[in-house]
Amino acid sequence: MTNARSNSNVFDKNETMRNITFFFIALSYFPALAAEQTNDIPSRKTNIEKLTEKIYSVKEFQRIADSMQPSVGELSDYPVISPVKKPVVSSGFGMRKHPVDKVRRFHTGIDFAKTKGTLVYATGNGVVIRRGYDSGYGNVIEIQHTGGFRSFYTHLSKTMVNIGDSVSIAQQIACVGNAGIATGNHLHYEIRKGNYFLNPTGWYCCLFEMTKANYTPIPTKKR
């Protein structure tokens, strides 16, 4: 079981954060990058989908990607980017003391502390299968992705999509809030498959990790 503190520390390096943010912004402003690469051989795409239906961890997903070499368009069918810009995890996946109940519970996702109204983005192409209110999660959006993966976005102050809508990776779908049981404004983000809660850490910078060799990072000035 993953320690929440160690999850957040993984992303403390400034250079890594700059690169993740750069790639995410590039996707936001240039959605054609993914669209142009979706004309792949149908049988190949089907094979990738069949393989990913059997996996649950990001490491297994990366092994399949290494062997099949999927395009950005194919990778975009999975929850592989951050749901917010400049992502910093404020509470990780795993056991923790619940901030409201003050008892140890399993945290089924990761939290991003952001100001109310911060834009939330779809982490992969998919279809909205849930949009509603939950007493604990507050306003919720659920997106169905390829391979049986589902992404959850909760405690939202505003939602911008409806059930049945097709959404694209990096599309604006909601705004951060504190609806439901929450001690402050933040996005609680989950990835599920079947009855399992998957650790979103690793998934949310997956596309960056798989494609970073194909672009030049933003040069930084020394202070």
C-alpha atoms as a PDB file:
ATOM      1  CA  MET A   1       0.000   0.000   0.000  1.00  0.00           C
ATOM      2  CA  THR A   2       1.439   3.376  -1.042  1.00  0.00           C
ATOM      3  CA  ASN A   3       2.356   5.985   1.528  1.00  0.00           C
ATOM      4  CA  ALA A   4       0.561   9.307   0.963  1.00  0.00           C
ATOM      5  CA  ARG A   5       3.574  11.412   1.953  1.00  0.00           C
ATOM      6  CA  SER A   6       5.916   9.602  -0.452  1.00  0.00           C
ATOM      7  CA  ASN A   7       3.437  10.090  -3.307  1.00  0.00           C
ATOM      8  CA  SER A   8       3.471  13.868  -2.963  1.00  0.00           C
ATOM      9  CA  ASN A   9       7.261  14.002  -2.659  1.00  0.00           C
ATOM     10  CA  VAL A  10       7.724  12.346  -6.035  1.00  0.00           C
ATOM     11  CA  PHE A  11       6.726  15.570  -7.765  1.00  0.00           C
ATOM     12  CA  ASP A  12       8.801  18.074  -5.793  1.00  0.00           C
ATOM     13  CA  LYS A  13      11.496  18.565  -8.453  1.00  0.00           C
ATOM     14  CA  ASN A  14      11.026  21.904 -10.194  1.00  0.00           C
ATOM     15  CA  GLU A  15      12.378  20.755 -13.555  1.00  0.00           C
ATOM     16  CA  THR A  16       9.977  17.818 -13.732  1.00  0.00           C
ATOM     17  CA  MET A  17       7.058  20.074 -12.847  1.00  0.00           C
ATOM     18  CA  ARG A  18       8.027  22.581 -15.537  1.00  0.00           C
ATOM     19  CA  ASN A  19       8.197  19.850 -18.159  1.00  0.00           C
ATOM     20  CA  ILE A  20       4.854  18.329 -17.139  1.00  0.00           C
ATOM     21  CA  THR A  21       3.227  21.757 -17.200  1.00  0.00           C
ATOM     22  CA  PHE A  22       4.757  22.542 -20.612  1.00  0.00           C
ATOM     23  CA  PHE A  23       3.467  19.354 -22.173  1.00  0.00           C
ATOM     24  CA  PHE A  24       0.016  19.751 -20.622  1.00  0.00           C
ATOM     25  CA  ILE A  25      -0.275  23.326 -21.919  1.00  0.00           C
ATOM     26  CA  ALA A  26       0.851  22.123 -25.356  1.00  0.00           C
ATOM     27  CA  LEU A  27      -1.966  19.578 -25.393  1.00  0.00           C
ATOM     28  CA  SER A  28      -4.459  22.213 -24.268  1.00  0.00           C
ATOM     29  CA  TYR A  29      -3.561  24.619 -27.044  1.00  0.00           C
ATOM     30  CA  PHE A  30      -2.787  22.106 -29.779  1.00  0.00           C
ATOM     31  CA  PRO A  31      -5.454  19.351 -29.611  1.00  0.00           C
ATOM     32  CA  ALA A  32      -4.744  18.626 -33.284  1.00  0.00           C
ATOM     33  CA  LEU A  33      -1.529  16.937 -32.129  1.00  0.00           C
ATOM     34  CA  ALA A  34      -3.555  13.980 -30.896  1.00  0.00           C
ATOM     35  CA  ALA A  35      -6.215  14.171 -33.591  1.00  0.00           C
ATOM     36  CA  GLU A  36      -3.689  13.959 -36.414  1.00  0.00           C
ATOM     37  CA  GLN A  37      -2.375  10.659 -35.092  1.00  0.00           C
ATOM     38  CA  THR A  38      -5.643   8.756 -34.731  1.00  0.00           C
ATOM     39  CA  ASN A  39      -5.644   7.279 -38.248  1.00  0.00           C
ATOM     40  CA  ASP A  40      -3.842   4.139 -37.132  1.00  0.00           C
ATOM     41  CA  ILE A  41      -4.408   0.633 -38.437  1.00  0.00           C
ATOM     42  CA  PRO A  42      -7.739  -0.517 -36.873  1.00  0.00           C
ATOM     43  CA  SER A  43      -6.466  -4.007 -36.058  1.00  0.00           C
ATOM     44  CA  ARG A  44      -3.436  -2.571 -34.240  1.00  0.00           C
ATOM     45  CA  LYS A  45      -5.637  -0.281 -32.151  1.00  0.00           C
ATOM     46  CA  THR A  46      -7.918  -3.221 -31.337  1.00  0.00           C
ATOM     47  CA  ASN A  47      -4.908  -5.269 -30.210  1.00  0.00           C
ATOM     48  CA  ILE A  48      -3.781  -2.465 -27.893  1.00  0.00           C
ATOM     49  CA  GLU A  49      -7.289  -2.193 -26.429  1.00  0.00           C
ATOM     50  CA  LYS A  50      -7.449  -5.954 -25.785  1.00  0.00           C
ATOM     51  CA  LEU A  51      -4.089  -5.896 -24.015  1.00  0.00           C
ATOM     52  CA  THR A  52      -5.009  -2.928 -21.822  1.00  0.00           C
ATOM     53  CA  GLU A  53      -8.294  -4.548 -20.778  1.00  0.00           C
ATOM     54  CA  LYS A  54      -6.218  -7.037 -18.762  1.00  0.00           C
ATOM     55  CA  ILE A  55      -4.000  -4.572 -16.901  1.00  0.00           C
ATOM     56  CA  TYR A  56      -4.421  -2.411 -13.801  1.00  0.00           C
ATOM     57  CA  SER A  57      -1.077  -0.761 -13.015  1.00  0.00           C
ATOM     58  CA  VAL A  58       0.673   2.064 -14.818  1.00  0.00           C
ATOM     59  CA  LYS A  59       3.836  -0.057 -15.033  1.00  0.00           C
ATOM     60  CA  GLU A  60       1.956  -2.743 -16.966  1.00  0.00           C
ATOM     61  CA  PHE A  61       0.526  -0.036 -19.210  1.00  0.00           C
ATOM     62  CA  GLN A  62       4.001   1.355 -19.882  1.00  0.00           C
ATOM     63  CA  ARG A  63       5.316  -2.122 -20.758  1.00  0.00           C
ATOM     64  CA  ILE A  64       2.565  -2.517 -23.352  1.00  0.00           C
ATOM     65  CA  ALA A  65       3.311   0.959 -24.692  1.00  0.00           C
ATOM     66  CA  ASP A  66       7.016   0.149 -24.961  1.00  0.00           C
ATOM     67  CA  SER A  67       6.293  -2.957 -27.021  1.00  0.00           C
ATOM     68  CA  MET A  68       3.424  -1.615 -29.171  1.00  0.00           C
ATOM     69  CA  GLN A  69       4.705   1.980 -29.570  1.00  0.00           C
ATOM     70  CA  PRO A  70       1.234   3.590 -29.635  1.00  0.00           C
ATOM     71  CA  SER A  71       0.818   7.074 -31.104  1.00  0.00           C
ATOM     72  CA  VAL A  72      -0.149  10.120 -29.037  1.00  0.00           C
ATOM     73  CA  GLY A  73      -3.673   9.690 -30.393  1.00  0.00           C
ATOM     74  CA  GLU A  74      -3.867   6.107 -29.123  1.00  0.00           C
ATOM     75  CA  LEU A  75      -2.387   6.987 -25.732  1.00  0.00           C
ATOM     76  CA  SER A  76      -4.917   9.805 -25.416  1.00  0.00           C
ATOM     77  CA  ASP A  77      -7.751   7.268 -25.103  1.00  0.00           C
ATOM     78  CA  TYR A  78      -6.528   6.545 -21.551  1.00  0.00           C
ATOM     79  CA  PRO A  79      -6.373   8.785 -18.419  1.00  0.00           C
ATOM     80  CA  VAL A  80      -2.756   9.830 -18.963  1.00  0.00           C
ATOM     81  CA  ILE A  81      -2.474  13.556 -18.135  1.00  0.00           C
ATOM     82  CA  SER A  82      -3.051  15.759 -15.113  1.00  0.00           C
ATOM     83  CA  PRO A  83      -6.597  17.023 -14.475  1.00  0.00           C
ATOM     84  CA  VAL A  84      -5.199  20.437 -13.438  1.00  0.00           C
ATOM     85  CA  LYS A  85      -2.359  22.685 -14.559  1.00  0.00           C
ATOM     86  CA  LYS A  86       0.723  22.892 -12.341  1.00  0.00           C
ATOM     87  CA  PRO A  87      -0.220  19.706 -10.448  1.00  0.00           C
ATOM     88  CA  VAL A  88       0.974  19.377  -6.865  1.00  0.00           C
ATOM     89  CA  VAL A  89      -0.455  16.489  -4.839  1.00  0.00           C
ATOM     90  CA  SER A  90      -1.680  17.636  -1.422  1.00  0.00           C
ATOM     91  CA  SER A  91      -2.872  14.197  -0.267  1.00  0.00           C
ATOM     92  CA  GLY A  92      -1.764  10.928  -1.816  1.00  0.00           C
ATOM     93  CA  PHE A  93      -3.263   7.517  -2.451  1.00  0.00           C
ATOM     94  CA  GLY A  94      -3.397   5.054   0.457  1.00  0.00           C
ATOM     95  CA  MET A  95      -3.971   5.027   4.198  1.00  0.00           C
ATOM     96  CA  ARG A  96      -4.272   8.405   5.918  1.00  0.00           C
ATOM     97  CA  LYS A  97      -6.067  10.180   8.751  1.00  0.00           C
ATOM     98  CA  HIS A  98      -9.315  11.492   7.314  1.00  0.00           C
ATOM     99  CA  PRO A  99      -9.244  15.319   7.512  1.00  0.00           C
ATOM    100  CA  VAL A 100     -12.868  15.504   8.720  1.00  0.00           C
ATOM    101  CA  ASP A 101     -13.502  12.288  10.692  1.00  0.00           C
ATOM    102  CA  LYS A 102      -9.946  12.182  12.123  1.00  0.00           C
ATOM    103  CA  VAL A 103      -9.794   8.380  11.754  1.00  0.00           C
ATOM    104  CA  ARG A 104      -7.444   6.350   9.548  1.00  0.00           C
ATOM    105  CA  ARG A 105      -9.045   5.424   6.265  1.00  0.00           C
ATOM    106  CA  PHE A 106      -7.945   4.384   2.810  1.00  0.00           C
ATOM    107  CA  HIS A 107      -7.787   7.382   0.482  1.00  0.00           C
ATOM    108  CA  THR A 108      -9.073   6.087  -2.863  1.00  0.00           C
ATOM    109  CA  GLY A 109      -7.547   8.840  -5.003  1.00  0.00           C
ATOM    110  CA  ILE A 110      -5.247  11.841  -4.843  1.00  0.00           C
ATOM    111  CA  ASP A 111      -6.013  15.468  -3.990  1.00  0.00           C
ATOM    112  CA  PHE A 112      -4.849  18.613  -5.743  1.00  0.00           C
ATOM    113  CA  ALA A 113      -5.255  21.729  -3.581  1.00  0.00           C
ATOM    114  CA  LYS A 114      -6.387  24.560  -5.863  1.00  0.00           C
ATOM    115  CA  THR A 115      -8.380  27.772  -5.533  1.00  0.00           C
ATOM    116  CA  LYS A 116     -12.113  27.666  -6.203  1.00  0.00           C
ATOM    117  CA  GLY A 117     -12.857  28.019  -9.899  1.00  0.00           C
ATOM    118  CA  THR A 118      -9.572  26.510 -11.124  1.00  0.00           C
ATOM    119  CA  LEU A 119     -10.259  24.690 -14.390  1.00  0.00           C
ATOM    120  CA  VAL A 120     -10.413  20.886 -14.401  1.00  0.00           C
ATOM    121  CA  TYR A 121      -9.551  18.959 -17.567  1.00  0.00           C
ATOM    122  CA  ALA A 122     -10.440  15.517 -18.924  1.00  0.00           C
ATOM    123  CA  THR A 123      -7.403  13.292 -18.464  1.00  0.00           C
ATOM    124  CA  GLY A 124      -8.152  11.275 -21.600  1.00  0.00           C
ATOM    125  CA  ASN A 125     -10.615  10.862 -24.450  1.00  0.00           C
ATOM    126  CA  GLY A 126     -13.864   9.247 -23.354  1.00  0.00           C
ATOM    127  CA  VAL A 127     -17.583   9.502 -22.680  1.00  0.00           C
ATOM    128  CA  VAL A 128     -19.233  11.111 -19.652  1.00  0.00           C
ATOM    129  CA  ILE A 129     -21.193   8.375 -17.857  1.00  0.00           C
ATOM    130  CA  ARG A 130     -21.974  10.223 -14.638  1.00  0.00           C
ATOM    131  CA  ARG A 131     -22.675  13.815 -13.682  1.00  0.00           C
ATOM    132  CA  GLY A 132     -24.431  14.463 -10.417  1.00  0.00           C
ATOM    133  CA  TYR A 133     -24.228  15.074  -6.695  1.00  0.00           C
ATOM    134  CA  ASP A 134     -22.983  12.742  -3.955  1.00  0.00           C
ATOM    135  CA  SER A 135     -23.243  13.555  -0.241  1.00  0.00           C
ATOM    136  CA  GLY A 136     -19.546  12.815   0.279  1.00  0.00           C
ATOM    137  CA  TYR A 137     -17.986  13.655  -3.080  1.00  0.00           C
ATOM    138  CA  GLY A 138     -20.197  16.652  -3.813  1.00  0.00           C
ATOM    139  CA  ASN A 139     -20.497  17.415  -7.526  1.00  0.00           C
ATOM    140  CA  VAL A 140     -19.036  14.510  -9.499  1.00  0.00           C
ATOM    141  CA  ILE A 141     -18.065  13.774 -13.096  1.00  0.00           C
ATOM    142  CA  GLU A 142     -17.149  10.259 -14.241  1.00  0.00           C
ATOM    143  CA  ILE A 143     -15.601   9.528 -17.647  1.00  0.00           C
ATOM    144  CA  GLN A 144     -15.366   6.106 -19.310  1.00  0.00           C
ATOM    145  CA  HIS A 145     -12.093   5.541 -21.178  1.00  0.00           C
ATOM    146  CA  THR A 146     -10.731   2.757 -23.379  1.00  0.00           C
ATOM    147  CA  GLY A 147      -9.659  -0.487 -21.692  1.00  0.00           C
ATOM    148  CA  GLY A 148     -12.266  -0.278 -18.931  1.00  0.00           C
ATOM    149  CA  PHE A 149     -10.585   2.652 -17.162  1.00  0.00           C
ATOM    150  CA  ARG A 150     -12.768   5.335 -15.563  1.00  0.00           C
ATOM    151  CA  SER A 151     -11.711   8.712 -14.191  1.00  0.00           C
ATOM    152  CA  PHE A 152     -13.531  10.546 -11.363  1.00  0.00           C
ATOM    153  CA  TYR A 153     -13.457  14.276 -10.607  1.00  0.00           C
ATOM    154  CA  THR A 154     -15.110  15.357  -7.347  1.00  0.00           C
ATOM    155  CA  HIS A 155     -15.880  18.278  -4.967  1.00  0.00           C
ATOM    156  CA  LEU A 156     -16.501  20.402  -8.077  1.00  0.00           C
ATOM    157  CA  SER A 157     -17.947  23.919  -7.908  1.00  0.00           C
ATOM    158  CA  LYS A 158     -19.133  23.798 -11.519  1.00  0.00           C
ATOM    159  CA  THR A 159     -19.582  21.141 -14.217  1.00  0.00           C
ATOM    160  CA  MET A 160     -19.412  21.843 -17.958  1.00  0.00           C
ATOM    161  CA  VAL A 161     -20.431  18.512 -19.512  1.00  0.00           C
ATOM    162  CA  ASN A 162     -23.466  16.233 -19.491  1.00  0.00           C
ATOM    163  CA  ILE A 163     -24.021  12.469 -19.426  1.00  0.00           C
ATOM    164  CA  GLY A 164     -23.436  11.034 -22.892  1.00  0.00           C
ATOM    165  CA  ASP A 165     -21.037  13.772 -23.999  1.00  0.00           C
ATOM    166  CA  SER A 166     -17.872  12.684 -25.782  1.00  0.00           C
ATOM    167  CA  VAL A 167     -14.881  14.519 -24.353  1.00  0.00           C
ATOM    168  CA  SER A 168     -11.342  14.958 -25.618  1.00  0.00           C
ATOM    169  CA  ILE A 169      -8.113  14.840 -23.665  1.00  0.00           C
ATOM    170  CA  ALA A 170      -7.352  18.243 -22.075  1.00  0.00           C
ATOM    171  CA  GLN A 171     -10.938  19.452 -22.611  1.00  0.00           C
ATOM    172  CA  GLN A 172     -12.283  21.741 -19.876  1.00  0.00           C
ATOM    173  CA  ILE A 173     -14.975  19.810 -18.001  1.00  0.00           C
ATOM    174  CA  ALA A 174     -15.366  21.461 -14.588  1.00  0.00           C
ATOM    175  CA  CYS A 175     -14.035  23.827 -11.920  1.00  0.00           C
ATOM    176  CA  VAL A 176     -12.448  23.078  -8.547  1.00  0.00           C
ATOM    177  CA  GLY A 177     -14.586  23.592  -5.445  1.00  0.00           C
ATOM    178  CA  ASN A 178     -15.361  22.219  -1.974  1.00  0.00           C
ATOM    179  CA  ALA A 179     -18.797  20.636  -2.460  1.00  0.00           C
ATOM    180  CA  GLY A 180     -19.617  17.605  -0.312  1.00  0.00           C
ATOM    181  CA  ILE A 181     -17.418  16.640   2.638  1.00  0.00           C
ATOM    182  CA  ALA A 182     -14.293  18.770   2.280  1.00  0.00           C
ATOM    183  CA  THR A 183     -12.157  21.006   4.483  1.00  0.00           C
ATOM    184  CA  GLY A 184     -11.182  23.343   1.653  1.00  0.00           C
ATOM    185  CA  ASN A 185     -11.101  23.852  -2.086  1.00  0.00           C
ATOM    186  CA  HIS A 186      -9.441  20.968  -3.898  1.00  0.00           C
ATOM    187  CA  LEU A 187      -9.912  18.384  -6.631  1.00  0.00           C
ATOM    188  CA  HIS A 188     -10.199  14.776  -5.480  1.00  0.00           C
ATOM    189  CA  TYR A 189      -9.230  12.657  -8.497  1.00  0.00           C
ATOM    190  CA  GLU A 190      -9.632   8.899  -8.897  1.00  0.00           C
ATOM    191  CA  ILE A 191      -8.978   6.237 -11.517  1.00  0.00           C
ATOM    192  CA  ARG A 192     -11.052   3.079 -11.286  1.00  0.00           C
ATOM    193  CA  LYS A 193     -11.284  -0.153 -13.212  1.00  0.00           C
ATOM    194  CA  GLY A 194     -14.045  -2.598 -12.400  1.00  0.00           C
ATOM    195  CA  ASN A 195     -14.298  -2.672  -8.603  1.00  0.00           C
ATOM    196  CA  TYR A 196     -10.689  -1.562  -8.104  1.00  0.00           C
ATOM    197  CA  PHE A 197      -9.323   1.849  -7.153  1.00  0.00           C
ATOM    198  CA  LEU A 198      -6.037   2.470  -8.999  1.00  0.00           C
ATOM    199  CA  ASN A 199      -3.259   4.728  -7.768  1.00  0.00           C
ATOM    200  CA  PRO A 200      -3.447   7.847 -10.005  1.00  0.00           C
ATOM    201  CA  THR A 201       0.165   8.723  -9.168  1.00  0.00           C
ATOM    202  CA  GLY A 202       2.167   7.879 -12.264  1.00  0.00           C
ATOM    203  CA  TRP A 203      -0.889   7.822 -14.502  1.00  0.00           C
ATOM    204  CA  TYR A 204      -1.295  11.587 -14.476  1.00  0.00           C
ATOM    205  CA  CYS A 205       2.172  12.208 -15.953  1.00  0.00           C
ATOM    206  CA  CYS A 206       2.163   9.018 -18.054  1.00  0.00           C
ATOM    207  CA  LEU A 207       1.813  10.721 -21.447  1.00  0.00           C
ATOM    208  CA  PHE A 208       4.631  13.113 -20.596  1.00  0.00           C
ATOM    209  CA  GLU A 209       6.938  10.264 -19.572  1.00  0.00           C
ATOM    210  CA  MET A 210       6.245   8.329 -22.781  1.00  0.00           C
ATOM    211  CA  THR A 211       6.745  11.270 -25.125  1.00  0.00           C
ATOM    212  CA  LYS A 212       9.316  13.516 -23.423  1.00  0.00           C
ATOM    213  CA  ALA A 213      12.095  12.200 -25.683  1.00  0.00           C
ATOM    214  CA  ASN A 214      10.271  13.648 -28.694  1.00  0.00           C
ATOM    215  CA  TYR A 215      10.404  17.329 -27.716  1.00  0.00           C
ATOM    216  CA  THR A 216      12.831  19.845 -26.275  1.00  0.00           C
ATOM    217  CA  PRO A 217      12.002  21.087 -22.753  1.00  0.00           C
ATOM    218  CA  ILE A 218      11.613  24.810 -22.107  1.00  0.00           C
ATOM    219  CA  PRO A 219      15.052  26.296 -21.351  1.00  0.00           C
ATOM    220  CA  THR A 220      15.302  27.797 -17.873  1.00  0.00           C
ATOM    221  CA  LYS A 221      17.413  30.702 -16.691  1.00  0.00           C
ATOM    222  CA  LYS A 222      19.694  30.332 -13.722  1.00  0.00           C
ATOM    223  CA  ARG A 223      19.137  32.829 -10.956  1.00  0.00           C
END
